[in-house]
């Protein structure tokens, strides 16, 4: 189950990275009027004209806040979390003098797996997501 979860997470992170790299470069920012999102190269990437007032500004701010640069940083952070999980499980599985009792190792591995499961809930709407992965 965990190997499938790791493969699922890696595939989604790869997809997120591809999309972020193909988008207009970040950082993005609201324009002076607060009704458009503009990329670092000056290209308008989103217009909020269909919205009004606070909702318009909040939506523009939200889009700008989640620009490709942030997405790439989140992809990297999540990849590190997956890597740290694999390292922890490997370390916990190694039998060494003075190693903690088995139930402590199991508890630590379960906690680390729960972190991966929590990360995967971001993609719960993906057709390959499994309900068994819910933390």
N, C-alpha and C. Protein backbone atom coordinates (compact mmCIF):
# COMPACT_ATOMS: atom_id res chain seq x y z
N UNK A 1 0.82 -1.20 0.00
CA UNK A 1 0.00 0.00 0.00
C UNK A 1 0.86 1.26 0.00
N UNK A 2 1.89 1.28 0.81
CA UNK A 2 2.71 2.49 0.89
C UNK A 2 3.47 2.74 -0.41
N UNK A 3 3.95 1.67 -1.04
CA UNK A 3 4.66 1.85 -2.32
C UNK A 3 3.73 2.47 -3.36
N UNK A 4 2.47 2.02 -3.37
CA UNK A 4 1.49 2.60 -4.30
C UNK A 4 1.22 4.07 -3.97
N UNK A 5 1.14 4.38 -2.69
CA UNK A 5 0.92 5.76 -2.26
C UNK A 5 2.09 6.64 -2.70
N UNK A 6 3.31 6.15 -2.51
CA UNK A 6 4.49 6.91 -2.92
C UNK A 6 4.49 7.11 -4.43
N UNK A 7 4.19 6.08 -5.18
CA UNK A 7 4.14 6.20 -6.64
C UNK A 7 3.06 7.20 -7.06
N UNK A 8 1.91 7.15 -6.40
CA UNK A 8 0.82 8.08 -6.68
C UNK A 8 1.26 9.52 -6.42
N UNK A 9 1.86 9.75 -5.25
CA UNK A 9 2.32 11.10 -4.92
C UNK A 9 3.37 11.60 -5.91
N UNK A 10 4.32 10.76 -6.23
CA UNK A 10 5.36 11.17 -7.18
C UNK A 10 4.76 11.52 -8.55
N UNK A 11 3.80 10.76 -9.00
CA UNK A 11 3.17 11.04 -10.30
C UNK A 11 2.42 12.37 -10.26
N UNK A 12 1.70 12.64 -9.17
CA UNK A 12 0.97 13.90 -9.07
C UNK A 12 1.94 15.09 -8.99
N UNK A 13 3.03 14.92 -8.25
CA UNK A 13 4.02 15.99 -8.13
C UNK A 13 4.68 16.25 -9.48
N UNK A 14 4.95 15.19 -10.23
CA UNK A 14 5.49 15.37 -11.58
C UNK A 14 4.52 16.16 -12.46
N UNK A 15 3.22 15.83 -12.36
CA UNK A 15 2.21 16.56 -13.13
C UNK A 15 2.16 18.03 -12.72
N UNK A 16 2.17 18.28 -11.40
CA UNK A 16 2.15 19.67 -10.92
C UNK A 16 3.36 20.44 -11.45
N UNK A 17 4.51 19.80 -11.45
CA UNK A 17 5.74 20.45 -11.93
C UNK A 17 5.64 20.79 -13.41
N UNK A 18 5.16 19.86 -14.22
CA UNK A 18 5.04 20.08 -15.66
C UNK A 18 4.12 21.28 -15.94
N UNK A 19 2.99 21.32 -15.25
CA UNK A 19 2.03 22.42 -15.46
C UNK A 19 2.64 23.75 -15.02
N UNK A 20 3.29 23.76 -13.87
CA UNK A 20 3.89 25.00 -13.36
C UNK A 20 5.00 25.50 -14.29
N UNK A 21 5.80 24.59 -14.81
CA UNK A 21 6.88 25.00 -15.71
C UNK A 21 6.36 25.52 -17.05
N UNK A 22 5.18 25.05 -17.46
CA UNK A 22 4.60 25.49 -18.73
C UNK A 22 3.87 26.83 -18.61
N UNK A 23 3.53 27.23 -17.39
CA UNK A 23 2.77 28.46 -17.17
C UNK A 23 3.66 29.69 -17.31
N UNK A 24 3.04 30.85 -17.38
CA UNK A 24 3.79 32.11 -17.35
C UNK A 24 4.62 32.15 -16.08
N UNK A 25 5.83 32.68 -16.17
CA UNK A 25 6.73 32.61 -15.01
C UNK A 25 6.25 33.44 -13.83
N UNK A 26 6.56 32.95 -12.63
CA UNK A 26 6.26 33.67 -11.40
C UNK A 26 7.46 34.47 -10.98
N UNK A 27 7.33 35.33 -10.01
CA UNK A 27 6.11 35.46 -9.22
C UNK A 27 5.02 36.24 -9.96
N UNK A 28 3.78 35.88 -9.64
CA UNK A 28 2.65 36.62 -10.16
C UNK A 28 2.24 37.65 -9.12
N UNK A 29 1.55 38.69 -9.59
CA UNK A 29 1.09 39.75 -8.69
C UNK A 29 -0.19 40.35 -9.24
N UNK A 30 -1.01 40.93 -8.36
CA UNK A 30 -2.17 41.68 -8.86
C UNK A 30 -1.69 42.94 -9.56
N UNK A 31 -2.42 43.37 -10.58
CA UNK A 31 -2.07 44.64 -11.22
C UNK A 31 -2.46 45.80 -10.31
N UNK A 32 -2.21 47.02 -10.75
CA UNK A 32 -2.46 48.20 -9.92
C UNK A 32 -3.93 48.34 -9.51
N UNK A 33 -4.84 47.95 -10.38
CA UNK A 33 -6.27 48.04 -10.06
C UNK A 33 -6.75 46.86 -9.24
N UNK A 34 -5.98 45.81 -9.17
CA UNK A 34 -6.37 44.62 -8.40
C UNK A 34 -7.39 43.76 -9.10
N UNK A 35 -7.53 43.89 -10.43
CA UNK A 35 -8.52 43.08 -11.13
C UNK A 35 -7.90 42.11 -12.14
N UNK A 36 -6.59 42.09 -12.23
CA UNK A 36 -5.89 41.15 -13.09
C UNK A 36 -4.68 40.59 -12.35
N UNK A 37 -4.27 39.40 -12.77
CA UNK A 37 -3.04 38.81 -12.26
C UNK A 37 -2.01 38.92 -13.38
N UNK A 38 -0.84 39.44 -13.03
CA UNK A 38 0.20 39.68 -14.02
C UNK A 38 1.43 38.85 -13.66
N UNK A 39 2.02 38.20 -14.67
CA UNK A 39 3.24 37.42 -14.45
C UNK A 39 4.43 38.35 -14.39
N UNK A 40 5.55 37.81 -13.96
CA UNK A 40 6.78 38.59 -13.83
C UNK A 40 7.20 39.20 -15.17
N UNK A 41 6.81 38.58 -16.28
CA UNK A 41 7.17 39.10 -17.59
C UNK A 41 6.15 40.12 -18.12
N UNK A 42 5.17 40.50 -17.28
CA UNK A 42 4.19 41.51 -17.65
C UNK A 42 2.97 40.98 -18.36
N UNK A 43 2.92 39.70 -18.64
CA UNK A 43 1.77 39.09 -19.32
C UNK A 43 0.63 38.92 -18.32
N UNK A 44 -0.59 39.29 -18.74
CA UNK A 44 -1.77 39.07 -17.89
C UNK A 44 -2.11 37.59 -17.95
N UNK A 45 -2.17 36.95 -16.78
CA UNK A 45 -2.45 35.51 -16.73
C UNK A 45 -3.88 35.21 -16.28
N UNK A 46 -4.55 36.18 -15.67
CA UNK A 46 -5.94 35.97 -15.25
C UNK A 46 -6.61 37.32 -15.09
N UNK A 47 -7.88 37.36 -15.47
CA UNK A 47 -8.68 38.57 -15.31
C UNK A 47 -9.86 38.23 -14.40
N UNK A 48 -10.18 39.12 -13.51
CA UNK A 48 -11.27 38.88 -12.59
C UNK A 48 -12.50 39.72 -12.87
N UNK A 49 -12.66 40.19 -14.09
CA UNK A 49 -13.74 41.13 -14.40
C UNK A 49 -15.13 40.58 -14.15
N UNK A 50 -15.31 39.28 -14.20
CA UNK A 50 -16.64 38.71 -13.99
C UNK A 50 -17.06 38.78 -12.52
N UNK A 51 -16.12 39.06 -11.64
CA UNK A 51 -16.40 39.14 -10.21
C UNK A 51 -16.56 40.60 -9.82
N UNK A 52 -16.91 40.82 -8.57
CA UNK A 52 -17.07 42.20 -8.15
C UNK A 52 -16.49 42.43 -6.77
N UNK A 53 -16.08 43.65 -6.50
CA UNK A 53 -15.67 44.10 -5.18
C UNK A 53 -14.63 43.22 -4.50
N UNK A 54 -14.93 42.91 -3.23
CA UNK A 54 -14.00 42.12 -2.42
C UNK A 54 -13.70 40.76 -3.03
N UNK A 55 -14.73 40.12 -3.60
CA UNK A 55 -14.53 38.80 -4.19
C UNK A 55 -13.53 38.89 -5.34
N UNK A 56 -13.62 39.94 -6.14
CA UNK A 56 -12.68 40.13 -7.24
C UNK A 56 -11.26 40.24 -6.71
N UNK A 57 -11.03 41.12 -5.76
CA UNK A 57 -9.68 41.32 -5.22
C UNK A 57 -9.17 40.07 -4.51
N UNK A 58 -10.03 39.39 -3.77
CA UNK A 58 -9.62 38.18 -3.07
C UNK A 58 -9.25 37.07 -4.06
N UNK A 59 -10.01 36.95 -5.13
CA UNK A 59 -9.72 35.93 -6.15
C UNK A 59 -8.42 36.24 -6.87
N UNK A 60 -8.23 37.48 -7.24
CA UNK A 60 -6.99 37.89 -7.91
C UNK A 60 -5.80 37.65 -6.98
N UNK A 61 -5.93 38.03 -5.71
CA UNK A 61 -4.85 37.80 -4.74
C UNK A 61 -4.56 36.30 -4.59
N UNK A 62 -5.62 35.50 -4.55
CA UNK A 62 -5.45 34.05 -4.40
C UNK A 62 -4.69 33.47 -5.60
N UNK A 63 -5.09 33.84 -6.79
CA UNK A 63 -4.42 33.32 -7.98
C UNK A 63 -2.96 33.75 -7.98
N UNK A 64 -2.70 35.01 -7.69
CA UNK A 64 -1.32 35.50 -7.67
C UNK A 64 -0.50 34.77 -6.62
N UNK A 65 -1.10 34.50 -5.49
CA UNK A 65 -0.39 33.83 -4.39
C UNK A 65 0.03 32.41 -4.75
N UNK A 66 -0.71 31.77 -5.64
CA UNK A 66 -0.44 30.37 -6.01
C UNK A 66 0.17 30.30 -7.40
N UNK A 67 1.18 31.12 -7.61
CA UNK A 67 1.85 31.18 -8.91
C UNK A 67 2.74 29.96 -9.14
N UNK A 68 3.30 29.81 -10.35
CA UNK A 68 4.15 28.66 -10.64
C UNK A 68 5.35 28.53 -9.71
N UNK A 69 5.94 29.62 -9.29
CA UNK A 69 7.10 29.54 -8.39
C UNK A 69 6.70 28.89 -7.07
N UNK A 70 5.55 29.25 -6.54
CA UNK A 70 5.09 28.64 -5.29
C UNK A 70 4.78 27.16 -5.51
N UNK A 71 4.13 26.85 -6.62
CA UNK A 71 3.82 25.45 -6.92
C UNK A 71 5.10 24.63 -6.99
N UNK A 72 6.12 25.15 -7.66
CA UNK A 72 7.39 24.42 -7.76
C UNK A 72 8.03 24.24 -6.39
N UNK A 73 7.93 25.24 -5.53
CA UNK A 73 8.47 25.11 -4.17
C UNK A 73 7.70 24.06 -3.38
N UNK A 74 6.38 24.02 -3.55
CA UNK A 74 5.58 23.00 -2.86
C UNK A 74 5.88 21.60 -3.39
N UNK A 75 6.08 21.48 -4.69
CA UNK A 75 6.46 20.18 -5.27
C UNK A 75 7.76 19.70 -4.64
N UNK A 76 8.75 20.59 -4.57
CA UNK A 76 10.04 20.22 -3.99
C UNK A 76 9.90 19.84 -2.51
N UNK A 77 9.12 20.58 -1.76
CA UNK A 77 8.93 20.28 -0.34
C UNK A 77 8.25 18.91 -0.17
N UNK A 78 7.26 18.63 -0.98
CA UNK A 78 6.56 17.34 -0.87
C UNK A 78 7.46 16.20 -1.32
N UNK A 79 8.29 16.42 -2.32
CA UNK A 79 9.25 15.39 -2.72
C UNK A 79 10.21 15.09 -1.57
N UNK A 80 10.63 16.12 -0.88
CA UNK A 80 11.51 15.92 0.28
C UNK A 80 10.80 15.12 1.36
N UNK A 81 9.53 15.40 1.59
CA UNK A 81 8.77 14.65 2.59
C UNK A 81 8.71 13.17 2.22
N UNK A 82 8.48 12.87 0.95
CA UNK A 82 8.46 11.47 0.51
C UNK A 82 9.84 10.84 0.72
N UNK A 83 10.88 11.57 0.37
CA UNK A 83 12.24 11.07 0.55
C UNK A 83 12.54 10.82 2.04
N UNK A 84 12.16 11.77 2.89
CA UNK A 84 12.40 11.61 4.33
C UNK A 84 11.63 10.41 4.88
N UNK A 85 10.42 10.18 4.36
CA UNK A 85 9.66 9.00 4.77
C UNK A 85 10.44 7.73 4.42
N UNK A 86 10.92 7.67 3.19
CA UNK A 86 11.66 6.47 2.78
C UNK A 86 12.92 6.27 3.62
N UNK A 87 13.61 7.36 3.92
CA UNK A 87 14.80 7.26 4.77
C UNK A 87 14.43 6.77 6.17
N UNK A 88 13.36 7.31 6.73
CA UNK A 88 12.94 6.94 8.08
C UNK A 88 12.56 5.47 8.13
N UNK A 89 11.78 5.02 7.16
CA UNK A 89 11.37 3.62 7.15
C UNK A 89 12.59 2.71 7.01
N UNK A 90 13.51 3.11 6.17
CA UNK A 90 14.74 2.32 6.01
C UNK A 90 15.52 2.27 7.33
N UNK A 91 15.66 3.42 7.98
CA UNK A 91 16.39 3.47 9.25
C UNK A 91 15.69 2.68 10.34
N UNK A 92 14.37 2.81 10.39
CA UNK A 92 13.62 2.09 11.42
C UNK A 92 13.66 0.59 11.21
N UNK A 93 13.77 0.18 9.96
CA UNK A 93 13.81 -1.24 9.66
C UNK A 93 15.18 -1.86 9.89
N UNK A 94 16.20 -1.03 9.99
CA UNK A 94 17.55 -1.55 10.20
C UNK A 94 17.69 -2.00 11.65
N UNK A 95 18.22 -3.17 11.83
CA UNK A 95 18.43 -3.63 13.20
C UNK A 95 19.85 -3.25 13.61
N UNK A 96 19.92 -2.42 14.61
CA UNK A 96 21.22 -1.95 15.11
C UNK A 96 21.23 -2.08 16.62
N UNK A 97 22.41 -2.23 17.20
CA UNK A 97 22.47 -2.28 18.66
C UNK A 97 21.85 -1.02 19.26
N UNK A 98 21.04 -1.19 20.26
CA UNK A 98 20.40 -0.05 20.92
C UNK A 98 19.19 0.49 20.17
N UNK A 99 18.73 -0.23 19.14
CA UNK A 99 17.56 0.23 18.39
C UNK A 99 16.34 0.23 19.30
N UNK A 100 15.39 1.13 19.05
CA UNK A 100 14.20 1.19 19.90
C UNK A 100 13.36 -0.08 19.75
N UNK A 101 12.51 -0.36 20.74
CA UNK A 101 11.63 -1.52 20.65
C UNK A 101 10.78 -1.47 19.38
N UNK A 102 10.39 -2.63 18.92
CA UNK A 102 9.66 -2.76 17.66
C UNK A 102 8.40 -1.89 17.63
N UNK A 103 7.61 -1.84 18.72
CA UNK A 103 6.37 -1.07 18.67
C UNK A 103 6.64 0.43 18.53
N UNK A 104 7.77 0.91 19.04
CA UNK A 104 8.12 2.32 18.81
C UNK A 104 8.46 2.56 17.35
N UNK A 105 9.17 1.61 16.75
CA UNK A 105 9.50 1.74 15.33
C UNK A 105 8.24 1.71 14.49
N UNK A 106 7.33 0.82 14.83
CA UNK A 106 6.08 0.72 14.09
C UNK A 106 5.28 2.02 14.24
N UNK A 107 5.24 2.56 15.44
CA UNK A 107 4.52 3.82 15.66
C UNK A 107 5.12 4.96 14.85
N UNK A 108 6.44 5.04 14.81
CA UNK A 108 7.10 6.09 14.04
C UNK A 108 6.83 5.92 12.55
N UNK A 109 6.89 4.69 12.06
CA UNK A 109 6.61 4.44 10.65
C UNK A 109 5.16 4.77 10.32
N UNK A 110 4.24 4.43 11.21
CA UNK A 110 2.83 4.75 10.99
C UNK A 110 2.60 6.25 10.96
N UNK A 111 3.28 6.98 11.83
CA UNK A 111 3.16 8.44 11.83
C UNK A 111 3.69 9.02 10.53
N UNK A 112 4.84 8.54 10.10
CA UNK A 112 5.42 9.03 8.84
C UNK A 112 4.49 8.71 7.66
N UNK A 113 3.91 7.51 7.65
CA UNK A 113 2.97 7.15 6.58
C UNK A 113 1.73 8.04 6.62
N UNK A 114 1.26 8.37 7.82
CA UNK A 114 0.10 9.26 7.94
C UNK A 114 0.39 10.64 7.34
N UNK A 115 1.62 11.09 7.46
CA UNK A 115 2.00 12.36 6.85
C UNK A 115 1.88 12.26 5.33
N UNK A 116 2.37 11.17 4.74
CA UNK A 116 2.22 10.99 3.30
C UNK A 116 0.75 10.90 2.90
N UNK A 117 -0.03 10.21 3.71
CA UNK A 117 -1.47 10.11 3.41
C UNK A 117 -2.12 11.49 3.44
N UNK A 118 -1.71 12.32 4.40
CA UNK A 118 -2.26 13.67 4.47
C UNK A 118 -1.87 14.47 3.23
N UNK A 119 -0.63 14.34 2.79
CA UNK A 119 -0.20 15.03 1.56
C UNK A 119 -1.01 14.56 0.36
N UNK A 120 -1.32 13.29 0.31
CA UNK A 120 -2.05 12.74 -0.83
C UNK A 120 -3.49 13.23 -0.89
N UNK A 121 -4.08 13.65 0.24
CA UNK A 121 -5.47 14.11 0.21
C UNK A 121 -5.64 15.34 -0.68
N UNK A 122 -4.55 16.04 -0.95
CA UNK A 122 -4.60 17.17 -1.90
C UNK A 122 -5.11 16.70 -3.26
N UNK A 123 -4.86 15.44 -3.57
CA UNK A 123 -5.21 14.89 -4.87
C UNK A 123 -6.37 13.91 -4.78
N UNK A 124 -7.20 14.03 -3.76
CA UNK A 124 -8.30 13.09 -3.54
C UNK A 124 -9.30 13.06 -4.69
N UNK A 125 -9.35 14.10 -5.49
CA UNK A 125 -10.27 14.13 -6.63
C UNK A 125 -9.68 13.45 -7.87
N UNK A 126 -8.45 12.98 -7.80
CA UNK A 126 -7.80 12.30 -8.92
C UNK A 126 -8.36 10.88 -9.02
N UNK A 127 -8.59 10.39 -10.25
CA UNK A 127 -9.19 9.05 -10.39
C UNK A 127 -8.34 7.91 -9.82
N UNK A 128 -7.03 8.12 -9.69
CA UNK A 128 -6.17 7.06 -9.14
C UNK A 128 -6.06 7.10 -7.62
N UNK A 129 -6.66 8.09 -6.99
CA UNK A 129 -6.61 8.19 -5.53
C UNK A 129 -7.45 7.06 -4.92
N UNK A 130 -6.95 6.51 -3.83
CA UNK A 130 -7.65 5.42 -3.14
C UNK A 130 -8.13 5.90 -1.77
N UNK A 131 -9.38 5.61 -1.45
CA UNK A 131 -9.92 6.01 -0.15
C UNK A 131 -9.16 5.37 1.01
N UNK A 132 -8.54 4.24 0.77
CA UNK A 132 -7.75 3.59 1.82
C UNK A 132 -6.56 4.43 2.26
N UNK A 133 -6.18 5.43 1.45
CA UNK A 133 -5.05 6.30 1.79
C UNK A 133 -5.45 7.43 2.72
N UNK A 134 -6.73 7.61 2.97
CA UNK A 134 -7.15 8.71 3.84
C UNK A 134 -6.56 8.48 5.24
N UNK A 135 -5.99 9.55 5.82
CA UNK A 135 -5.40 9.38 7.16
C UNK A 135 -6.47 9.17 8.22
